[in-house]
C-alpha atoms as a PDB file:
ATOM      1  CA  UNK A   1      12.360   2.770   6.636  1.00  0.00           C
ATOM      2  CA  UNK A   2      11.229   1.213   3.376  1.00  0.00           C
ATOM      3  CA  UNK A   3       8.544   3.872   3.010  1.00  0.00           C
ATOM      4  CA  UNK A   4      10.889   6.284   1.205  1.00  0.00           C
ATOM      5  CA  UNK A   5      11.865   3.866  -1.566  1.00  0.00           C
ATOM      6  CA  UNK A   6       8.213   2.882  -1.852  1.00  0.00           C
ATOM      7  CA  UNK A   7       7.168   6.562  -2.070  1.00  0.00           C
ATOM      8  CA  UNK A   8       9.785   7.153  -4.759  1.00  0.00           C
ATOM      9  CA  UNK A   9       8.449   4.206  -6.786  1.00  0.00           C
ATOM     10  CA  UNK A  10       4.899   5.595  -6.495  1.00  0.00           C
ATOM     11  CA  UNK A  11       6.146   8.980  -7.674  1.00  0.00           C
ATOM     12  CA  UNK A  12       7.916   7.430 -10.693  1.00  0.00           C
ATOM     13  CA  UNK A  13       4.739   5.556 -11.718  1.00  0.00           C
ATOM     14  CA  UNK A  14       2.671   8.731 -11.375  1.00  0.00           C
ATOM     15  CA  UNK A  15       5.263  10.843 -13.195  1.00  0.00           C
ATOM     16  CA  UNK A  16       5.580   8.486 -16.170  1.00  0.00           C
ATOM     17  CA  UNK A  17       1.793   8.297 -16.492  1.00  0.00           C
ATOM     18  CA  UNK A  18       1.442  12.081 -16.280  1.00  0.00           C
ATOM     19  CA  UNK A  19       4.180  12.682 -18.857  1.00  0.00           C
ATOM     20  CA  UNK A  20       2.523  10.188 -21.196  1.00  0.00           C
ATOM     21  CA  UNK A  21      -0.527  12.486 -21.183  1.00  0.00           C
ATOM     22  CA  UNK A  22       1.539  15.700 -21.451  1.00  0.00           C
ATOM     23  CA  UNK A  23       0.524  16.822 -17.958  1.00  0.00           C
ATOM     24  CA  UNK A  24       2.147  19.815 -16.349  1.00  0.00           C
ATOM     25  CA  UNK A  25       1.146  18.950 -12.792  1.00  0.00           C
ATOM     26  CA  UNK A  26       0.115  15.941 -10.710  1.00  0.00           C
ATOM     27  CA  UNK A  27      -2.424  17.051  -8.115  1.00  0.00           C
ATOM     28  CA  UNK A  28      -3.459  13.803  -6.478  1.00  0.00           C
ATOM     29  CA  UNK A  29      -2.504  10.134  -6.315  1.00  0.00           C
ATOM     30  CA  UNK A  30      -4.865   7.449  -5.005  1.00  0.00           C
ATOM     31  CA  UNK A  31      -3.036   4.441  -3.659  1.00  0.00           C
ATOM     32  CA  UNK A  32      -4.441   1.157  -2.398  1.00  0.00           C
ATOM     33  CA  UNK A  33      -2.189  -0.659   0.055  1.00  0.00           C
ATOM     34  CA  UNK A  34      -2.675  -4.051   1.610  1.00  0.00           C
ATOM     35  CA  UNK A  35      -2.431  -3.944   5.375  1.00  0.00           C
ATOM     36  CA  UNK A  36       0.057  -6.830   5.355  1.00  0.00           C
ATOM     37  CA  UNK A  37       2.694  -4.751   3.527  1.00  0.00           C
ATOM     38  CA  UNK A  38       3.565  -3.206   6.915  1.00  0.00           C
ATOM     39  CA  UNK A  39       3.668   0.239   5.273  1.00  0.00           C
ATOM     40  CA  UNK A  40       2.961   3.049   7.756  1.00  0.00           C
ATOM     41  CA  UNK A  41       0.639   5.509   5.949  1.00  0.00           C
ATOM     42  CA  UNK A  42       1.855   8.665   7.737  1.00  0.00           C
ATOM     43  CA  UNK A  43       5.505   7.833   7.040  1.00  0.00           C
ATOM     44  CA  UNK A  44       4.614   7.096   3.429  1.00  0.00           C
ATOM     45  CA  UNK A  45       2.889  10.469   3.049  1.00  0.00           C
ATOM     46  CA  UNK A  46       5.909  12.313   4.471  1.00  0.00           C
ATOM     47  CA  UNK A  47       8.239  10.288   2.274  1.00  0.00           C
ATOM     48  CA  UNK A  48       6.097  11.080  -0.779  1.00  0.00           C
ATOM     49  CA  UNK A  49       6.419  14.804  -0.002  1.00  0.00           C
ATOM     50  CA  UNK A  50      10.221  14.454   0.084  1.00  0.00           C
ATOM     51  CA  UNK A  51      10.366  12.269  -3.041  1.00  0.00           C
ATOM     52  CA  UNK A  52       8.309  14.728  -5.103  1.00  0.00           C
ATOM     53  CA  UNK A  53      10.092  17.939  -4.071  1.00  0.00           C
ATOM     54  CA  UNK A  54      10.956  19.989  -7.171  1.00  0.00           C
ATOM     55  CA  UNK A  55       8.943  17.772  -9.532  1.00  0.00           C
ATOM     56  CA  UNK A  56       5.582  17.985 -11.314  1.00  0.00           C
ATOM     57  CA  UNK A  57       4.131  16.094  -8.339  1.00  0.00           C
ATOM     58  CA  UNK A  58       5.313  18.541  -5.681  1.00  0.00           C
ATOM     59  CA  UNK A  59       2.361  19.364  -3.447  1.00  0.00           C
ATOM     60  CA  UNK A  60       0.276  16.470  -4.781  1.00  0.00           C
ATOM     61  CA  UNK A  61      -2.034  14.879  -2.265  1.00  0.00           C
ATOM     62  CA  UNK A  62      -1.381  11.201  -1.580  1.00  0.00           C
ATOM     63  CA  UNK A  63      -4.651   9.481  -0.659  1.00  0.00           C
ATOM     64  CA  UNK A  64      -4.164   6.050   0.845  1.00  0.00           C
ATOM     65  CA  UNK A  65      -6.843   3.396   1.074  1.00  0.00           C
ATOM     66  CA  UNK A  66      -5.828   0.492   3.299  1.00  0.00           C
ATOM     67  CA  UNK A  67      -7.119  -2.921   2.241  1.00  0.00           C
ATOM     68  CA  UNK A  68      -7.475  -5.754   4.758  1.00  0.00           C
ATOM     69  CA  UNK A  69      -5.382  -8.874   4.581  1.00  0.00           C
ATOM     70  CA  UNK A  70      -7.017 -12.180   3.729  1.00  0.00           C
ATOM     71  CA  UNK A  71      -5.878 -15.710   4.375  1.00  0.00           C
ATOM     72  CA  UNK A  72      -7.074 -19.030   3.039  1.00  0.00           C
ATOM     73  CA  UNK A  73      -7.142 -21.997   5.363  1.00  0.00           C
ATOM     74  CA  UNK A  74      -5.470 -25.164   4.086  1.00  0.00           C
ATOM     75  CA  UNK A  75      -7.639 -27.249   6.449  1.00  0.00           C
ATOM     76  CA  UNK A  76     -11.208 -26.004   5.809  1.00  0.00           C
ATOM     77  CA  UNK A  77     -10.517 -24.089   2.552  1.00  0.00           C
ATOM     78  CA  UNK A  78     -12.309 -20.944   3.810  1.00  0.00           C
ATOM     79  CA  UNK A  79     -11.099 -17.340   3.544  1.00  0.00           C
ATOM     80  CA  UNK A  80     -10.735 -15.103   6.608  1.00  0.00           C
ATOM     81  CA  UNK A  81      -9.985 -11.409   6.942  1.00  0.00           C
ATOM     82  CA  UNK A  82      -6.950 -10.699   9.131  1.00  0.00           C
ATOM     83  CA  UNK A  83      -5.219  -7.703  10.678  1.00  0.00           C
ATOM     84  CA  UNK A  84      -1.672  -7.084  11.803  1.00  0.00           C
ATOM     85  CA  UNK A  85      -1.179  -7.018  15.566  1.00  0.00           C
ATOM     86  CA  UNK A  86       0.833  -4.222  17.227  1.00  0.00           C
ATOM     87  CA  UNK A  87       3.600  -6.735  17.986  1.00  0.00           C
ATOM     88  CA  UNK A  88       3.749  -7.858  14.364  1.00  0.00           C
ATOM     89  CA  UNK A  89       4.053  -4.233  13.221  1.00  0.00           C
ATOM     90  CA  UNK A  90       7.324  -4.109  15.167  1.00  0.00           C
ATOM     91  CA  UNK A  91       8.657  -7.564  14.282  1.00  0.00           C
ATOM     92  CA  UNK A  92       7.033  -8.262  10.916  1.00  0.00           C
ATOM     93  CA  UNK A  93       6.184 -11.753  12.192  1.00  0.00           C
ATOM     94  CA  UNK A  94       2.707 -13.107  12.721  1.00  0.00           C
ATOM     95  CA  UNK A  95       0.959 -16.418  12.282  1.00  0.00           C
ATOM     96  CA  UNK A  96      -2.621 -16.061  11.132  1.00  0.00           C
ATOM     97  CA  UNK A  97      -5.337 -18.276  12.480  1.00  0.00           C
ATOM     98  CA  UNK A  98      -8.414 -19.276  10.479  1.00  0.00           C
ATOM     99  CA  UNK A  99     -11.474 -17.596  11.972  1.00  0.00           C
ATOM    100  CA  UNK A 100     -13.645 -20.554  10.900  1.00  0.00           C
ATOM    101  CA  UNK A 101     -11.805 -23.621  12.231  1.00  0.00           C
ATOM    102  CA  UNK A 102      -8.921 -22.130  14.263  1.00  0.00           C
ATOM    103  CA  UNK A 103      -6.137 -23.733  12.234  1.00  0.00           C
ATOM    104  CA  UNK A 104      -2.780 -21.988  11.805  1.00  0.00           C
ATOM    105  CA  UNK A 105      -2.237 -23.867   8.528  1.00  0.00           C
ATOM    106  CA  UNK A 106      -3.054 -20.814   6.405  1.00  0.00           C
ATOM    107  CA  UNK A 107      -1.680 -18.894   3.451  1.00  0.00           C
ATOM    108  CA  UNK A 108      -1.918 -15.181   2.705  1.00  0.00           C
ATOM    109  CA  UNK A 109      -4.031 -14.547  -0.398  1.00  0.00           C
ATOM    110  CA  UNK A 110      -4.542 -10.752  -0.210  1.00  0.00           C
ATOM    111  CA  UNK A 111      -3.037  -7.757   1.516  1.00  0.00           C
ATOM    112  CA  UNK A 112       0.642  -7.798   0.529  1.00  0.00           C
ATOM    113  CA  UNK A 113       0.379  -5.596  -2.564  1.00  0.00           C
ATOM    114  CA  UNK A 114       0.029  -1.937  -3.386  1.00  0.00           C
ATOM    115  CA  UNK A 115      -1.562  -0.376  -6.446  1.00  0.00           C
ATOM    116  CA  UNK A 116      -1.623   3.161  -7.811  1.00  0.00           C
ATOM    117  CA  UNK A 117      -5.347   3.307  -8.484  1.00  0.00           C
ATOM    118  CA  UNK A 118      -5.801   6.813  -9.865  1.00  0.00           C
ATOM    119  CA  UNK A 119      -3.755   9.902 -10.706  1.00  0.00           C
ATOM    120  CA  UNK A 120      -5.234  13.391 -11.095  1.00  0.00           C
ATOM    121  CA  UNK A 121      -3.311  15.662 -13.435  1.00  0.00           C
ATOM    122  CA  UNK A 122      -3.467  19.109 -14.979  1.00  0.00           C
ATOM    123  CA  UNK A 123      -2.678  19.504 -18.652  1.00  0.00           C
END
């Protein structure tokens, strides 16, 4: 379960930002996650609750916006939006096929990153 270490990293980013602005409480964190990270949002939310216990972020709401994955085809040079299959969620393995020409000669260009987009604090 890599969600807990990920949740802890999110908390540390939020905490350092809040402390920089002399906040006394973090009330909300908006997170954008690429679908291809294989992060399970519900597990991440529960992990965030555990990671923030006893801190200025305890009770903060973690809002997660999932962003689709995108691949670029090495054959036709076009970009396609892709989603993880149920099987790939279990194995972490999936070949992506170009939706334009059908080639499997593709590279992932978006969807493997996460970004803390916004933090709401109380001063």
